[in-house]
Amino acid sequence: MYQLRKRDIISLILCCSIRSNLPKSTRIVHPFGISIGEDITFGKNCIIYQNVSIGRRWTDIESKMTIGNNVTICSGACLVGDLTIGNNVIIGANSVVLENIPDNCTAVGNPARIIKKRG
């Protein structure tokens, strides 16, 4: 008989799937509909909103995604592939990120493009 773990119960209630270990400083503001795949490294103080999907493409078996410190991922954003997201990045709502984003940037759109660089 299959025994439910705490992680499975939370996933069922919130309709989310989080397979990577998140640092304690990560904030999930509205935890509904979030999907976070395996082998994703998060920095400190990240904020994730509802309906965010983060993972690799099915062809990128060996890929690893790295998300820097102080990253905000807004509602409905999708981060796909072998990516590196820099520190102090904001990813806008419903953006589809397919390429790396450097530090101190704001990226929006489908596909995401950098609209603002800070510092």
PDB file of N, CA and C in Angstrom:
ATOM      1  N   MET A   1       0.834  -1.180   0.000  1.00  0.00           N
ATOM      2  CA  MET A   1       0.000   0.000   0.000  1.00  0.00           C
ATOM      3  C   MET A   1       0.879   1.243   0.000  1.00  0.00           C
ATOM      4  N   TYR A   2       0.469   2.212  -0.801  1.00  0.00           N
ATOM      5  CA  TYR A   2       1.216   3.454  -0.918  1.00  0.00           C
ATOM      6  C   TYR A   2       0.918   4.342   0.280  1.00  0.00           C
ATOM      7  N   GLN A   3       1.967   4.861   0.916  1.00  0.00           N
ATOM      8  CA  GLN A   3       1.789   5.731   2.064  1.00  0.00           C
ATOM      9  C   GLN A   3       2.111   7.161   1.658  1.00  0.00           C
ATOM     10  N   LEU A   4       1.173   8.057   1.898  1.00  0.00           N
ATOM     11  CA  LEU A   4       1.367   9.456   1.531  1.00  0.00           C
ATOM     12  C   LEU A   4       2.366  10.129   2.465  1.00  0.00           C
ATOM     13  N   ARG A   5       3.281  10.876   1.857  1.00  0.00           N
ATOM     14  CA  ARG A   5       4.216  11.671   2.636  1.00  0.00           C
ATOM     15  C   ARG A   5       3.643  13.072   2.797  1.00  0.00           C
ATOM     16  N   LYS A   6       4.220  13.839   3.692  1.00  0.00           N
ATOM     17  CA  LYS A   6       3.754  15.208   3.939  1.00  0.00           C
ATOM     18  C   LYS A   6       3.796  16.022   2.643  1.00  0.00           C
ATOM     19  N   ARG A   7       4.863  15.854   1.860  1.00  0.00           N
ATOM     20  CA  ARG A   7       5.013  16.563   0.595  1.00  0.00           C
ATOM     21  C   ARG A   7       3.866  16.209  -0.369  1.00  0.00           C
ATOM     22  N   ASP A   8       3.454  14.930  -0.394  1.00  0.00           N
ATOM     23  CA  ASP A   8       2.370  14.493  -1.279  1.00  0.00           C
ATOM     24  C   ASP A   8       1.034  15.092  -0.864  1.00  0.00           C
ATOM     25  N   ILE A   9       0.786  15.167   0.422  1.00  0.00           N
ATOM     26  CA  ILE A   9      -0.474  15.726   0.918  1.00  0.00           C
ATOM     27  C   ILE A   9      -0.569  17.210   0.575  1.00  0.00           C
ATOM     28  N   ILE A  10       0.521  17.932   0.768  1.00  0.00           N
ATOM     29  CA  ILE A  10       0.546  19.357   0.428  1.00  0.00           C
ATOM     30  C   ILE A  10       0.315  19.537  -1.068  1.00  0.00           C
ATOM     31  N   SER A  11       0.934  18.683  -1.888  1.00  0.00           N
ATOM     32  CA  SER A  11       0.753  18.762  -3.337  1.00  0.00           C
ATOM     33  C   SER A  11      -0.695  18.536  -3.739  1.00  0.00           C
ATOM     34  N   LEU A  12      -1.347  17.582  -3.112  1.00  0.00           N
ATOM     35  CA  LEU A  12      -2.751  17.311  -3.421  1.00  0.00           C
ATOM     36  C   LEU A  12      -3.652  18.474  -3.042  1.00  0.00           C
ATOM     37  N   ILE A  13      -3.422  19.053  -1.898  1.00  0.00           N
ATOM     38  CA  ILE A  13      -4.268  20.152  -1.425  1.00  0.00           C
ATOM     39  C   ILE A  13      -4.075  21.413  -2.268  1.00  0.00           C
ATOM     40  N   LEU A  14      -2.842  21.738  -2.587  1.00  0.00           N
ATOM     41  CA  LEU A  14      -2.533  22.991  -3.272  1.00  0.00           C
ATOM     42  C   LEU A  14      -2.408  22.851  -4.783  1.00  0.00           C
ATOM     43  N   CYS A  15      -2.540  21.635  -5.306  1.00  0.00           N
ATOM     44  CA  CYS A  15      -2.376  21.389  -6.747  1.00  0.00           C
ATOM     45  C   CYS A  15      -1.024  21.905  -7.235  1.00  0.00           C
ATOM     46  N   CYS A  16       0.023  21.558  -6.509  1.00  0.00           N
ATOM     47  CA  CYS A  16       1.356  21.975  -6.898  1.00  0.00           C
ATOM     48  C   CYS A  16       2.309  20.790  -6.801  1.00  0.00           C
ATOM     49  N   SER A  17       3.441  20.913  -7.478  1.00  0.00           N
ATOM     50  CA  SER A  17       4.457  19.867  -7.450  1.00  0.00           C
ATOM     51  C   SER A  17       5.821  20.527  -7.322  1.00  0.00           C
ATOM     52  N   ILE A  18       6.470  20.334  -6.178  1.00  0.00           N
ATOM     53  CA  ILE A  18       7.790  20.922  -5.941  1.00  0.00           C
ATOM     54  C   ILE A  18       8.758  19.779  -5.681  1.00  0.00           C
ATOM     55  N   ARG A  19       9.662  19.547  -6.644  1.00  0.00           N
ATOM     56  CA  ARG A  19      10.568  18.416  -6.551  1.00  0.00           C
ATOM     57  C   ARG A  19      12.004  18.811  -6.203  1.00  0.00           C
ATOM     58  N   SER A  20      12.291  20.098  -6.150  1.00  0.00           N
ATOM     59  CA  SER A  20      13.617  20.579  -5.755  1.00  0.00           C
ATOM     60  C   SER A  20      13.561  21.054  -4.314  1.00  0.00           C
ATOM     61  N   ASN A  21      14.712  21.056  -3.679  1.00  0.00           N
ATOM     62  CA  ASN A  21      14.795  21.587  -2.320  1.00  0.00           C
ATOM     63  C   ASN A  21      14.918  23.101  -2.384  1.00  0.00           C
ATOM     64  N   LEU A  22      14.013  23.774  -1.716  1.00  0.00           N
ATOM     65  CA  LEU A  22      14.032  25.234  -1.691  1.00  0.00           C
ATOM     66  C   LEU A  22      14.671  25.707  -0.395  1.00  0.00           C
ATOM     67  N   PRO A  23      15.484  26.771  -0.456  1.00  0.00           N
ATOM     68  CA  PRO A  23      16.035  27.321   0.784  1.00  0.00           C
ATOM     69  C   PRO A  23      14.907  27.845   1.670  1.00  0.00           C
ATOM     70  N   LYS A  24      15.153  27.903   2.961  1.00  0.00           N
ATOM     71  CA  LYS A  24      14.134  28.386   3.894  1.00  0.00           C
ATOM     72  C   LYS A  24      13.766  29.841   3.638  1.00  0.00           C
ATOM     73  N   SER A  25      14.655  30.595   3.023  1.00  0.00           N
ATOM     74  CA  SER A  25      14.382  32.010   2.768  1.00  0.00           C
ATOM     75  C   SER A  25      13.487  32.225   1.542  1.00  0.00           C
ATOM     76  N   THR A  26      13.181  31.159   0.791  1.00  0.00           N
ATOM     77  CA  THR A  26      12.307  31.280  -0.373  1.00  0.00           C
ATOM     78  C   THR A  26      10.870  31.479   0.079  1.00  0.00           C
ATOM     79  N   ARG A  27      10.196  32.464  -0.519  1.00  0.00           N
ATOM     80  CA  ARG A  27       8.794  32.718  -0.180  1.00  0.00           C
ATOM     81  C   ARG A  27       7.912  32.323  -1.355  1.00  0.00           C
ATOM     82  N   ILE A  28       6.919  31.501  -1.083  1.00  0.00           N
ATOM     83  CA  ILE A  28       5.907  31.173  -2.081  1.00  0.00           C
ATOM     84  C   ILE A  28       4.647  31.893  -1.636  1.00  0.00           C
ATOM     85  N   VAL A  29       4.329  32.975  -2.339  1.00  0.00           N
ATOM     86  CA  VAL A  29       3.288  33.887  -1.887  1.00  0.00           C
ATOM     87  C   VAL A  29       1.904  33.259  -2.026  1.00  0.00           C
ATOM     88  N   HIS A  30       1.586  32.725  -3.177  1.00  0.00           N
ATOM     89  CA  HIS A  30       0.312  32.036  -3.418  1.00  0.00           C
ATOM     90  C   HIS A  30       0.678  30.663  -3.979  1.00  0.00           C
ATOM     91  N   PRO A  31       0.673  29.615  -3.183  1.00  0.00           N
ATOM     92  CA  PRO A  31       1.269  28.341  -3.596  1.00  0.00           C
ATOM     93  C   PRO A  31       0.414  27.473  -4.522  1.00  0.00           C
ATOM     94  N   PHE A  32      -0.572  28.016  -5.178  1.00  0.00           N
ATOM     95  CA  PHE A  32      -1.447  27.204  -6.015  1.00  0.00           C
ATOM     96  C   PHE A  32      -0.908  27.060  -7.435  1.00  0.00           C
ATOM     97  N   GLY A  33      -0.925  25.843  -7.952  1.00  0.00           N
ATOM     98  CA  GLY A  33      -0.576  25.588  -9.343  1.00  0.00           C
ATOM     99  C   GLY A  33       0.896  25.702  -9.676  1.00  0.00           C
ATOM    100  N   ILE A  34       1.765  25.636  -8.703  1.00  0.00           N
ATOM    101  CA  ILE A  34       3.203  25.763  -8.953  1.00  0.00           C
ATOM    102  C   ILE A  34       3.790  24.400  -9.299  1.00  0.00           C
ATOM    103  N   SER A  35       4.661  24.385 -10.307  1.00  0.00           N
ATOM    104  CA  SER A  35       5.352  23.162 -10.686  1.00  0.00           C
ATOM    105  C   SER A  35       6.844  23.466 -10.779  1.00  0.00           C
ATOM    106  N   ILE A  36       7.632  22.839  -9.908  1.00  0.00           N
ATOM    107  CA  ILE A  36       9.083  23.037  -9.891  1.00  0.00           C
ATOM    108  C   ILE A  36       9.730  21.664 -10.028  1.00  0.00           C
ATOM    109  N   GLY A  37      10.507  21.484 -11.085  1.00  0.00           N
ATOM    110  CA  GLY A  37      11.120  20.198 -11.375  1.00  0.00           C
ATOM    111  C   GLY A  37      12.351  19.907 -10.535  1.00  0.00           C
ATOM    112  N   GLU A  38      13.024  18.831 -10.896  1.00  0.00           N
ATOM    113  CA  GLU A  38      14.220  18.392 -10.176  1.00  0.00           C
ATOM    114  C   GLU A  38      15.462  19.129 -10.671  1.00  0.00           C
ATOM    115  N   ASP A  39      16.534  19.024  -9.906  1.00  0.00           N
ATOM    116  CA  ASP A  39      17.849  19.568 -10.263  1.00  0.00           C
ATOM    117  C   ASP A  39      17.829  21.067 -10.531  1.00  0.00           C
ATOM    118  N   ILE A  40      17.090  21.799  -9.724  1.00  0.00           N
ATOM    119  CA  ILE A  40      17.067  23.252  -9.836  1.00  0.00           C
ATOM    120  C   ILE A  40      17.644  23.826  -8.548  1.00  0.00           C
ATOM    121  N   THR A  41      18.645  24.678  -8.691  1.00  0.00           N
ATOM    122  CA  THR A  41      19.309  25.276  -7.545  1.00  0.00           C
ATOM    123  C   THR A  41      18.795  26.694  -7.357  1.00  0.00           C
ATOM    124  N   PHE A  42      18.264  26.966  -6.178  1.00  0.00           N
ATOM    125  CA  PHE A  42      17.730  28.289  -5.864  1.00  0.00           C
ATOM    126  C   PHE A  42      18.687  29.027  -4.949  1.00  0.00           C
ATOM    127  N   GLY A  43      18.826  30.340  -5.181  1.00  0.00           N
ATOM    128  CA  GLY A  43      19.570  31.192  -4.274  1.00  0.00           C
ATOM    129  C   GLY A  43      18.679  31.610  -3.106  1.00  0.00           C
ATOM    130  N   LYS A  44      19.167  32.533  -2.322  1.00  0.00           N
ATOM    131  CA  LYS A  44      18.433  32.998  -1.143  1.00  0.00           C
ATOM    132  C   LYS A  44      17.423  34.082  -1.521  1.00  0.00           C
ATOM    133  N   ASN A  45      16.393  34.196  -0.702  1.00  0.00           N
ATOM    134  CA  ASN A  45      15.410  35.277  -0.775  1.00  0.00           C
ATOM    135  C   ASN A  45      14.665  35.363  -2.107  1.00  0.00           C
ATOM    136  N   CYS A  46      14.318  34.225  -2.687  1.00  0.00           N
ATOM    137  CA  CYS A  46      13.511  34.219  -3.909  1.00  0.00           C
ATOM    138  C   CYS A  46      12.041  34.308  -3.538  1.00  0.00           C
ATOM    139  N   ILE A  47      11.260  34.916  -4.428  1.00  0.00           N
ATOM    140  CA  ILE A  47       9.814  35.015  -4.249  1.00  0.00           C
ATOM    141  C   ILE A  47       9.160  34.382  -5.469  1.00  0.00           C
ATOM    142  N   ILE A  48       8.235  33.452  -5.233  1.00  0.00           N
ATOM    143  CA  ILE A  48       7.547  32.757  -6.320  1.00  0.00           C
ATOM    144  C   ILE A  48       6.043  32.935  -6.125  1.00  0.00           C
ATOM    145  N   TYR A  49       5.365  33.387  -7.174  1.00  0.00           N
ATOM    146  CA  TYR A  49       3.924  33.573  -7.126  1.00  0.00           C
ATOM    147  C   TYR A  49       3.209  32.372  -7.759  1.00  0.00           C
ATOM    148  N   GLN A  50       1.880  32.401  -7.826  1.00  0.00           N
ATOM    149  CA  GLN A  50       1.077  31.264  -8.264  1.00  0.00           C
ATOM    150  C   GLN A  50       1.262  30.935  -9.748  1.00  0.00           C
ATOM    151  N   ASN A  51       0.956  29.666 -10.076  1.00  0.00           N
ATOM    152  CA  ASN A  51       0.943  29.149 -11.450  1.00  0.00           C
ATOM    153  C   ASN A  51       2.283  29.274 -12.169  1.00  0.00           C
ATOM    154  N   VAL A  52       3.374  29.201 -11.452  1.00  0.00           N
ATOM    155  CA  VAL A  52       4.712  29.262 -12.038  1.00  0.00           C
ATOM    156  C   VAL A  52       5.172  27.844 -12.364  1.00  0.00           C
ATOM    157  N   SER A  53       5.765  27.680 -13.545  1.00  0.00           N
ATOM    158  CA  SER A  53       6.348  26.398 -13.935  1.00  0.00           C
ATOM    159  C   SER A  53       7.842  26.581 -14.163  1.00  0.00           C
ATOM    160  N   ILE A  54       8.632  25.752 -13.503  1.00  0.00           N
ATOM    161  CA  ILE A  54      10.085  25.829 -13.626  1.00  0.00           C
ATOM    162  C   ILE A  54      10.599  24.417 -13.881  1.00  0.00           C
ATOM    163  N   GLY A  55      11.279  24.209 -14.988  1.00  0.00           N
ATOM    164  CA  GLY A  55      11.794  22.870 -15.269  1.00  0.00           C
ATOM    165  C   GLY A  55      12.609  22.811 -16.541  1.00  0.00           C
ATOM    166  N   ARG A  56      13.016  21.625 -16.875  1.00  0.00           N
ATOM    167  CA  ARG A  56      13.837  21.442 -18.065  1.00  0.00           C
ATOM    168  C   ARG A  56      12.982  20.933 -19.216  1.00  0.00           C
ATOM    169  N   ARG A  57      13.510  21.104 -20.404  1.00  0.00           N
ATOM    170  CA  ARG A  57      12.853  20.537 -21.568  1.00  0.00           C
ATOM    171  C   ARG A  57      13.037  19.032 -21.541  1.00  0.00           C
ATOM    172  N   TRP A  58      12.146  18.310 -22.136  1.00  0.00           N
ATOM    173  CA  TRP A  58      12.248  16.849 -22.104  1.00  0.00           C
ATOM    174  C   TRP A  58      13.484  16.367 -22.830  1.00  0.00           C
ATOM    175  N   THR A  59      14.064  17.185 -23.719  1.00  0.00           N
ATOM    176  CA  THR A  59      15.283  16.780 -24.426  1.00  0.00           C
ATOM    177  C   THR A  59      16.544  17.084 -23.624  1.00  0.00           C
ATOM    178  N   ASP A  60      16.435  17.933 -22.598  1.00  0.00           N
ATOM    179  CA  ASP A  60      17.590  18.324 -21.787  1.00  0.00           C
ATOM    180  C   ASP A  60      17.702  17.423 -20.561  1.00  0.00           C
ATOM    181  N   ILE A  61      18.030  16.174 -20.778  1.00  0.00           N
ATOM    182  CA  ILE A  61      18.060  15.207 -19.686  1.00  0.00           C
ATOM    183  C   ILE A  61      19.088  15.599 -18.618  1.00  0.00           C
ATOM    184  N   GLU A  62      20.233  16.078 -19.014  1.00  0.00           N
ATOM    185  CA  GLU A  62      21.325  16.376 -18.085  1.00  0.00           C
ATOM    186  C   GLU A  62      21.373  17.842 -17.664  1.00  0.00           C
ATOM    187  N   SER A  63      20.395  18.640 -18.055  1.00  0.00           N
ATOM    188  CA  SER A  63      20.466  20.069 -17.764  1.00  0.00           C
ATOM    189  C   SER A  63      20.201  20.364 -16.287  1.00  0.00           C
ATOM    190  N   LYS A  64      20.760  21.462 -15.821  1.00  0.00           N
ATOM    191  CA  LYS A  64      20.544  21.932 -14.456  1.00  0.00           C
ATOM    192  C   LYS A  64      20.285  23.429 -14.532  1.00  0.00           C
ATOM    193  N   MET A  65      19.267  23.853 -13.833  1.00  0.00           N
ATOM    194  CA  MET A  65      18.916  25.268 -13.818  1.00  0.00           C
ATOM    195  C   MET A  65      19.414  25.890 -12.521  1.00  0.00           C
ATOM    196  N   THR A  66      19.912  27.116 -12.620  1.00  0.00           N
ATOM    197  CA  THR A  66      20.370  27.855 -11.451  1.00  0.00           C
ATOM    198  C   THR A  66      19.633  29.179 -11.395  1.00  0.00           C
ATOM    199  N   ILE A  67      19.020  29.433 -10.263  1.00  0.00           N
ATOM    200  CA  ILE A  67      18.307  30.685 -10.042  1.00  0.00           C
ATOM    201  C   ILE A  67      19.019  31.416  -8.914  1.00  0.00           C
ATOM    202  N   GLY A  68      19.416  32.661  -9.171  1.00  0.00           N
ATOM    203  CA  GLY A  68      20.242  33.419  -8.229  1.00  0.00           C
ATOM    204  C   GLY A  68      19.497  33.925  -7.008  1.00  0.00           C
ATOM    205  N   ASN A  69      20.163  34.783  -6.264  1.00  0.00           N
ATOM    206  CA  ASN A  69      19.602  35.386  -5.054  1.00  0.00           C
ATOM    207  C   ASN A  69      18.654  36.528  -5.410  1.00  0.00           C
ATOM    208  N   ASN A  70      17.652  36.746  -4.557  1.00  0.00           N
ATOM    209  CA  ASN A  70      16.729  37.877  -4.676  1.00  0.00           C
ATOM    210  C   ASN A  70      15.995  37.914  -6.017  1.00  0.00           C
ATOM    211  N   VAL A  71      15.554  36.760  -6.495  1.00  0.00           N
ATOM    212  CA  VAL A  71      14.823  36.665  -7.758  1.00  0.00           C
ATOM    213  C   VAL A  71      13.326  36.631  -7.458  1.00  0.00           C
ATOM    214  N   THR A  72      12.558  37.426  -8.203  1.00  0.00           N
ATOM    215  CA  THR A  72      11.102  37.426  -8.095  1.00  0.00           C
ATOM    216  C   THR A  72      10.533  36.850  -9.380  1.00  0.00           C
ATOM    217  N   ILE A  73       9.729  35.789  -9.252  1.00  0.00           N
ATOM    218  CA  ILE A  73       9.104  35.152 -10.407  1.00  0.00           C
ATOM    219  C   ILE A  73       7.598  35.374 -10.268  1.00  0.00           C
ATOM    220  N   CYS A  74       7.049  36.213 -11.131  1.00  0.00           N
ATOM    221  CA  CYS A  74       5.643  36.613 -11.020  1.00  0.00           C
ATOM    222  C   CYS A  74       4.694  35.561 -11.573  1.00  0.00           C
ATOM    223  N   SER A  75       3.414  35.763 -11.362  1.00  0.00           N
ATOM    224  CA  SER A  75       2.354  34.803 -11.677  1.00  0.00           C
ATOM    225  C   SER A  75       2.405  34.309 -13.118  1.00  0.00           C
ATOM    226  N   GLY A  76       2.266  33.005 -13.278  1.00  0.00           N
ATOM    227  CA  GLY A  76       2.144  32.401 -14.594  1.00  0.00           C
ATOM    228  C   GLY A  76       3.416  32.308 -15.396  1.00  0.00           C
ATOM    229  N   ALA A  77       4.548  32.673 -14.834  1.00  0.00           N
ATOM    230  CA  ALA A  77       5.807  32.613 -15.576  1.00  0.00           C
ATOM    231  C   ALA A  77       6.234  31.166 -15.792  1.00  0.00           C
ATOM    232  N   CYS A  78       6.952  30.947 -16.876  1.00  0.00           N
ATOM    233  CA  CYS A  78       7.426  29.612 -17.223  1.00  0.00           C
ATOM    234  C   CYS A  78       8.916  29.711 -17.555  1.00  0.00           C
ATOM    235  N   LEU A  79       9.744  28.989 -16.813  1.00  0.00           N
ATOM    236  CA  LEU A  79      11.185  28.961 -17.041  1.00  0.00           C
ATOM    237  C   LEU A  79      11.531  27.563 -17.517  1.00  0.00           C
ATOM    238  N   VAL A  80      12.038  27.453 -18.746  1.00  0.00           N
ATOM    239  CA  VAL A  80      12.241  26.145 -19.341  1.00  0.00           C
ATOM    240  C   VAL A  80      13.644  26.031 -19.925  1.00  0.00           C
ATOM    241  N   GLY A  81      14.328  24.933 -19.611  1.00  0.00           N
ATOM    242  CA  GLY A  81      15.616  24.633 -20.232  1.00  0.00           C
ATOM    243  C   GLY A  81      16.786  24.704 -19.277  1.00  0.00           C
ATOM    244  N   ASP A  82      17.963  24.676 -19.847  1.00  0.00           N
ATOM    245  CA  ASP A  82      19.225  24.726 -19.120  1.00  0.00           C
ATOM    246  C   ASP A  82      19.575  26.205 -18.927  1.00  0.00           C
ATOM    247  N   LEU A  83      19.031  26.818 -17.871  1.00  0.00           N
ATOM    248  CA  LEU A  83      19.114  28.262 -17.694  1.00  0.00           C
ATOM    249  C   LEU A  83      19.932  28.663 -16.478  1.00  0.00           C
ATOM    250  N   THR A  84      20.450  29.879 -16.550  1.00  0.00           N
ATOM    251  CA  THR A  84      21.035  30.542 -15.396  1.00  0.00           C
ATOM    252  C   THR A  84      20.348  31.895 -15.263  1.00  0.00           C
ATOM    253  N   ILE A  85      19.677  32.080 -14.153  1.00  0.00           N
ATOM    254  CA  ILE A  85      19.010  33.349 -13.870  1.00  0.00           C
ATOM    255  C   ILE A  85      19.873  34.058 -12.841  1.00  0.00           C
ATOM    256  N   GLY A  86      20.281  35.280 -13.138  1.00  0.00           N
ATOM    257  CA  GLY A  86      21.197  36.013 -12.273  1.00  0.00           C
ATOM    258  C   GLY A  86      20.562  36.497 -10.980  1.00  0.00           C
ATOM    259  N   ASN A  87      21.348  37.218 -10.205  1.00  0.00           N
ATOM    260  CA  ASN A  87      20.881  37.798  -8.945  1.00  0.00           C
ATOM    261  C   ASN A  87      20.047  39.049  -9.214  1.00  0.00           C
ATOM    262  N   ASN A  88      19.105  39.335  -8.311  1.00  0.00           N
ATOM    263  CA  ASN A  88      18.289  40.546  -8.364  1.00  0.00           C
ATOM    264  C   ASN A  88      17.502  40.675  -9.674  1.00  0.00           C
ATOM    265  N   VAL A  89      16.917  39.576 -10.118  1.00  0.00           N
ATOM    266  CA  VAL A  89      16.158  39.543 -11.370  1.00  0.00           C
ATOM    267  C   VAL A  89      14.669  39.526 -11.052  1.00  0.00           C
ATOM    268  N   ILE A  90      13.884  40.219 -11.885  1.00  0.00           N
ATOM    269  CA  ILE A  90      12.429  40.154 -11.814  1.00  0.00           C
ATOM    270  C   ILE A  90      11.951  39.570 -13.140  1.00  0.00           C
ATOM    271  N   ILE A  91      11.141  38.525 -13.045  1.00  0.00           N
ATOM    272  CA  ILE A  91      10.550  37.912 -14.225  1.00  0.00           C
ATOM    273  C   ILE A  91       9.062  38.235 -14.186  1.00  0.00           C
ATOM    274  N   GLY A  92       8.579  38.919 -15.202  1.00  0.00           N
ATOM    275  CA  GLY A  92       7.210  39.410 -15.224  1.00  0.00           C
ATOM    276  C   GLY A  92       6.164  38.323 -15.363  1.00  0.00           C
ATOM    277  N   ALA A  93       4.929  38.689 -15.108  1.00  0.00           N
ATOM    278  CA  ALA A  93       3.808  37.757 -15.174  1.00  0.00           C
ATOM    279  C   ALA A  93       3.654  37.188 -16.581  1.00  0.00           C
ATOM    280  N   ASN A  94       3.376  35.892 -16.655  1.00  0.00           N
ATOM    281  CA  ASN A  94       3.135  35.157 -17.899  1.00  0.00           C
ATOM    282  C   ASN A  94       4.310  35.187 -18.876  1.00  0.00           C
ATOM    283  N   SER A  95       5.505  35.440 -18.390  1.00  0.00           N
ATOM    284  CA  SER A  95       6.690  35.421 -19.242  1.00  0.00           C
ATOM    285  C   SER A  95       7.156  33.994 -19.467  1.00  0.00           C
ATOM    286  N   VAL A  96       7.738  33.751 -20.631  1.00  0.00           N
ATOM    287  CA  VAL A  96       8.304  32.443 -20.955  1.00  0.00           C
ATOM    288  C   VAL A  96       9.801  32.644 -21.140  1.00  0.00           C
ATOM    289  N   VAL A  97      10.590  32.148 -20.196  1.00  0.00           N
ATOM    290  CA  VAL A  97      12.040  32.357 -20.211  1.00  0.00           C
ATOM    291  C   VAL A  97      12.702  31.134 -20.839  1.00  0.00           C
ATOM    292  N   LEU A  98      13.394  31.368 -21.964  1.00  0.00           N
ATOM    293  CA  LEU A  98      14.068  30.298 -22.686  1.00  0.00           C
ATOM    294  C   LEU A  98      15.572  30.512 -22.763  1.00  0.00           C
ATOM    295  N   GLU A  99      16.044  31.691 -22.342  1.00  0.00           N
ATOM    296  CA  GLU A  99      17.463  32.025 -22.388  1.00  0.00           C
ATOM    297  C   GLU A  99      17.915  32.581 -21.048  1.00  0.00           C
ATOM    298  N   ASN A 100      19.218  32.563 -20.811  1.00  0.00           N
ATOM    299  CA  ASN A 100      19.790  33.069 -19.563  1.00  0.00           C
ATOM    300  C   ASN A 100      19.450  34.550 -19.374  1.00  0.00           C
ATOM    301  N   ILE A 101      19.327  34.946 -18.117  1.00  0.00           N
ATOM    302  CA  ILE A 101      19.083  36.356 -17.779  1.00  0.00           C
ATOM    303  C   ILE A 101      20.198  36.801 -16.842  1.00  0.00           C
ATOM    304  N   PRO A 102      20.912  37.877 -17.201  1.00  0.00           N
ATOM    305  CA  PRO A 102      22.018  38.341 -16.352  1.00  0.00           C
ATOM    306  C   PRO A 102      21.513  39.026 -15.079  1.00  0.00           C
ATOM    307  N   ASP A 103      22.436  39.373 -14.195  1.00  0.00           N
ATOM    308  CA  ASP A 103      22.110  40.040 -12.934  1.00  0.00           C
ATOM    309  C   ASP A 103      21.408  41.374 -13.173  1.00  0.00           C
ATOM    310  N   ASN A 104      20.599  41.759 -12.181  1.00  0.00           N
ATOM    311  CA  ASN A 104      19.994  43.089 -12.098  1.00  0.00           C
ATOM    312  C   ASN A 104      19.134  43.462 -13.308  1.00  0.00           C
ATOM    313  N   CYS A 105      18.319  42.535 -13.781  1.00  0.00           N
ATOM    314  CA  CYS A 105      17.478  42.783 -14.948  1.00  0.00           C
ATOM    315  C   CYS A 105      16.016  42.491 -14.654  1.00  0.00           C
ATOM    316  N   THR A 106      15.155  43.088 -15.474  1.00  0.00           N
ATOM    317  CA  THR A 106      13.742  42.755 -15.487  1.00  0.00           C
ATOM    318  C   THR A 106      13.434  42.190 -16.856  1.00  0.00           C
ATOM    319  N   ALA A 107      12.812  41.002 -16.899  1.00  0.00           N
ATOM    320  CA  ALA A 107      12.497  40.341 -18.168  1.00  0.00           C
ATOM    321  C   ALA A 107      10.999  40.069 -18.231  1.00  0.00           C
ATOM    322  N   VAL A 108      10.407  40.351 -19.395  1.00  0.00           N
ATOM    323  CA  VAL A 108       8.980  40.119 -19.595  1.00  0.00           C
ATOM    324  C   VAL A 108       8.728  39.620 -21.013  1.00  0.00           C
ATOM    325  N   GLY A 109       7.562  39.021 -21.209  1.00  0.00           N
ATOM    326  CA  GLY A 109       7.115  38.670 -22.549  1.00  0.00           C
ATOM    327  C   GLY A 109       7.236  37.195 -22.867  1.00  0.00           C
ATOM    328  N   ASN A 110       6.798  36.865 -24.077  1.00  0.00           N
ATOM    329  CA  ASN A 110       6.845  35.502 -24.584  1.00  0.00           C
ATOM    330  C   ASN A 110       7.387  35.535 -26.003  1.00  0.00           C
ATOM    331  N   PRO A 111       8.647  35.165 -26.207  1.00  0.00           N
ATOM    332  CA  PRO A 111       9.658  34.789 -25.224  1.00  0.00           C
ATOM    333  C   PRO A 111      10.145  36.008 -24.437  1.00  0.00           C
ATOM    334  N   ALA A 112      10.640  35.771 -23.243  1.00  0.00           N
ATOM    335  CA  ALA A 112      11.051  36.861 -22.354  1.00  0.00           C
ATOM    336  C   ALA A 112      12.211  37.641 -22.963  1.00  0.00           C
ATOM    337  N   ARG A 113      12.112  38.951 -22.837  1.00  0.00           N
ATOM    338  CA  ARG A 113      13.204  39.819 -23.259  1.00  0.00           C
ATOM    339  C   ARG A 113      13.483  40.811 -22.140  1.00  0.00           C
ATOM    340  N   ILE A 114      14.705  41.265 -22.060  1.00  0.00           N
ATOM    341  CA  ILE A 114      15.110  42.185 -20.993  1.00  0.00           C
ATOM    342  C   ILE A 114      14.624  43.590 -21.343  1.00  0.00           C
ATOM    343  N   ILE A 115      13.858  44.164 -20.429  1.00  0.00           N
ATOM    344  CA  ILE A 115      13.347  45.519 -20.669  1.00  0.00           C
ATOM    345  C   ILE A 115      14.013  46.558 -19.803  1.00  0.00           C
ATOM    346  N   LYS A 116      14.708  46.094 -18.742  1.00  0.00           N
ATOM    347  CA  LYS A 116      15.309  47.044 -17.827  1.00  0.00           C
ATOM    348  C   LYS A 116      16.545  46.425 -17.186  1.00  0.00           C
ATOM    349  N   LYS A 117      17.626  47.194 -17.126  1.00  0.00           N
ATOM    350  CA  LYS A 117      18.837  46.799 -16.394  1.00  0.00           C
ATOM    351  C   LYS A 117      19.078  47.817 -15.302  1.00  0.00           C
ATOM    352  N   ARG A 118      19.338  47.325 -14.113  1.00  0.00           N
ATOM    353  CA  ARG A 118      19.590  48.208 -12.979  1.00  0.00           C
ATOM    354  C   ARG A 118      21.072  48.175 -12.626  1.00  0.00           C
ATOM    355  N   GLY A 119      21.565  49.299 -12.157  1.00  0.00           N
ATOM    356  CA  GLY A 119      22.952  49.345 -11.692  1.00  0.00           C
ATOM    357  C   GLY A 119      23.892  49.455 -12.819  1.00  0.00           C
TER     358      GLY A 119
END
